[in-house]
Amino acid sequence: MFARDDDVFWYVRYLILALGIPGNILSAIVWLRRRVTSKNSSAVYLAALAICDLVYLPLDLIINSYNCFVGSWFWLCVTIH
């Protein structure tokens, strides 16, 4: 009847992806417009932050999915190399 904690974790993760990816794309487009960057020096920083978050979200999903289904040995391999 109730969802397990693992199921809730994945539902929240997919919700974050569904809202985060389009939001970061829109944010980067808005902050990288020439009118905005010429008047606001921190616009470049905010655009870079949106792009970094846009790269991080799918990579985090891939790494956590791999870690969940294969095992925790992946983190050992990442920390050694």
C-alpha atoms as a PDB file:
ATOM      1  CA  MET A   1       0.000   0.000   0.000  1.00  0.00           C
ATOM      2  CA  PHE A   2       2.729   2.465   0.917  1.00  0.00           C
ATOM      3  CA  ALA A   3       5.863   3.010  -1.165  1.00  0.00           C
ATOM      4  CA  ARG A   4       9.218   1.917   0.170  1.00  0.00           C
ATOM      5  CA  ASP A   5      11.901   4.480   0.926  1.00  0.00           C
ATOM      6  CA  ASP A   6      13.840   3.442  -2.195  1.00  0.00           C
ATOM      7  CA  ASP A   7      10.784   4.025  -4.383  1.00  0.00           C
ATOM      8  CA  VAL A   8      10.221   7.475  -2.897  1.00  0.00           C
ATOM      9  CA  PHE A   9      13.899   8.263  -3.491  1.00  0.00           C
ATOM     10  CA  TRP A  10      13.591   7.499  -7.204  1.00  0.00           C
ATOM     11  CA  TYR A  11      10.276   9.355  -7.574  1.00  0.00           C
ATOM     12  CA  VAL A  12      11.822  12.471  -6.042  1.00  0.00           C
ATOM     13  CA  ARG A  13      14.923  12.086  -8.201  1.00  0.00           C
ATOM     14  CA  TYR A  14      12.834  11.905 -11.386  1.00  0.00           C
ATOM     15  CA  LEU A  15      10.799  14.901 -10.265  1.00  0.00           C
ATOM     16  CA  ILE A  16      13.999  16.890  -9.730  1.00  0.00           C
ATOM     17  CA  LEU A  17      15.182  15.887 -13.199  1.00  0.00           C
ATOM     18  CA  ALA A  18      11.844  16.754 -14.797  1.00  0.00           C
ATOM     19  CA  LEU A  19      11.902  20.229 -13.273  1.00  0.00           C
ATOM     20  CA  GLY A  20      15.653  20.835 -13.200  1.00  0.00           C
ATOM     21  CA  ILE A  21      16.654  20.122 -16.783  1.00  0.00           C
ATOM     22  CA  PRO A  22      14.122  22.415 -18.506  1.00  0.00           C
ATOM     23  CA  GLY A  23      14.580  25.029 -15.793  1.00  0.00           C
ATOM     24  CA  ASN A  24      18.348  25.094 -16.206  1.00  0.00           C
ATOM     25  CA  ILE A  25      18.069  25.308 -19.986  1.00  0.00           C
ATOM     26  CA  LEU A  26      15.682  28.227 -19.716  1.00  0.00           C
ATOM     27  CA  SER A  27      17.830  29.886 -17.073  1.00  0.00           C
ATOM     28  CA  ALA A  28      20.990  29.589 -19.182  1.00  0.00           C
ATOM     29  CA  ILE A  29      19.200  31.036 -22.206  1.00  0.00           C
ATOM     30  CA  VAL A  30      17.918  33.994 -20.202  1.00  0.00           C
ATOM     31  CA  TRP A  31      21.233  34.748 -18.484  1.00  0.00           C
ATOM     32  CA  LEU A  32      23.307  34.432 -21.669  1.00  0.00           C
ATOM     33  CA  ARG A  33      21.362  37.013 -23.658  1.00  0.00           C
ATOM     34  CA  ARG A  34      23.534  39.926 -24.730  1.00  0.00           C
ATOM     35  CA  ARG A  35      21.299  42.547 -23.108  1.00  0.00           C
ATOM     36  CA  VAL A  36      21.481  40.789 -19.759  1.00  0.00           C
ATOM     37  CA  THR A  37      25.223  40.078 -19.766  1.00  0.00           C
ATOM     38  CA  SER A  38      26.103  43.630 -20.809  1.00  0.00           C
ATOM     39  CA  LYS A  39      24.165  45.172 -17.891  1.00  0.00           C
ATOM     40  CA  ASN A  40      24.789  42.551 -15.219  1.00  0.00           C
ATOM     41  CA  SER A  41      28.258  41.120 -14.604  1.00  0.00           C
ATOM     42  CA  SER A  42      26.986  38.279 -12.433  1.00  0.00           C
ATOM     43  CA  ALA A  43      24.821  36.973 -15.295  1.00  0.00           C
ATOM     44  CA  VAL A  44      27.784  35.032 -16.682  1.00  0.00           C
ATOM     45  CA  TYR A  45      28.295  33.349 -13.317  1.00  0.00           C
ATOM     46  CA  LEU A  46      24.609  32.434 -13.056  1.00  0.00           C
ATOM     47  CA  ALA A  47      24.605  31.061 -16.612  1.00  0.00           C
ATOM     48  CA  ALA A  48      27.689  28.958 -15.857  1.00  0.00           C
ATOM     49  CA  LEU A  49      25.996  27.690 -12.700  1.00  0.00           C
ATOM     50  CA  ALA A  50      22.919  26.664 -14.708  1.00  0.00           C
ATOM     51  CA  ILE A  51      25.064  24.869 -17.284  1.00  0.00           C
ATOM     52  CA  CYS A  52      27.063  23.040 -14.610  1.00  0.00           C
ATOM     53  CA  ASP A  53      23.856  21.944 -12.915  1.00  0.00           C
ATOM     54  CA  LEU A  54      22.502  20.845 -16.287  1.00  0.00           C
ATOM     55  CA  VAL A  55      25.532  18.579 -16.727  1.00  0.00           C
ATOM     56  CA  TYR A  56      25.442  17.349 -13.122  1.00  0.00           C
ATOM     57  CA  LEU A  57      21.812  16.193 -13.003  1.00  0.00           C
ATOM     58  CA  PRO A  58      21.980  13.454 -15.676  1.00  0.00           C
ATOM     59  CA  LEU A  59      25.447  12.335 -14.572  1.00  0.00           C
ATOM     60  CA  ASP A  60      24.249  11.985 -10.995  1.00  0.00           C
ATOM     61  CA  LEU A  61      21.310   9.882 -12.169  1.00  0.00           C
ATOM     62  CA  ILE A  62      23.604   7.605 -14.182  1.00  0.00           C
ATOM     63  CA  ILE A  63      26.094   7.151 -11.340  1.00  0.00           C
ATOM     64  CA  ASN A  64      23.397   6.499  -8.734  1.00  0.00           C
ATOM     65  CA  SER A  65      21.585   4.055 -11.025  1.00  0.00           C
ATOM     66  CA  TYR A  66      24.800   2.168 -11.661  1.00  0.00           C
ATOM     67  CA  ASN A  67      25.643   2.153  -7.975  1.00  0.00           C
ATOM     68  CA  CYS A  68      22.152   0.978  -7.026  1.00  0.00           C
ATOM     69  CA  PHE A  69      21.930  -1.883  -9.514  1.00  0.00           C
ATOM     70  CA  VAL A  70      25.525  -3.102  -9.700  1.00  0.00           C
ATOM     71  CA  GLY A  71      26.808  -2.445  -6.206  1.00  0.00           C
ATOM     72  CA  SER A  72      28.910  -0.093  -4.202  1.00  0.00           C
ATOM     73  CA  TRP A  73      32.238  -1.137  -5.740  1.00  0.00           C
ATOM     74  CA  PHE A  74      31.920   1.657  -8.298  1.00  0.00           C
ATOM     75  CA  TRP A  75      32.679   4.315  -5.665  1.00  0.00           C
ATOM     76  CA  LEU A  76      35.864   2.483  -4.751  1.00  0.00           C
ATOM     77  CA  CYS A  77      36.963   2.551  -8.390  1.00  0.00           C
ATOM     78  CA  VAL A  78      36.194   6.271  -8.684  1.00  0.00           C
ATOM     79  CA  THR A  79      38.127   7.196  -5.548  1.00  0.00           C
ATOM     80  CA  ILE A  80      41.207   5.140  -6.494  1.00  0.00           C
ATOM     81  CA  HIS A  81      41.578   6.560 -10.011  1.00  0.00           C
END
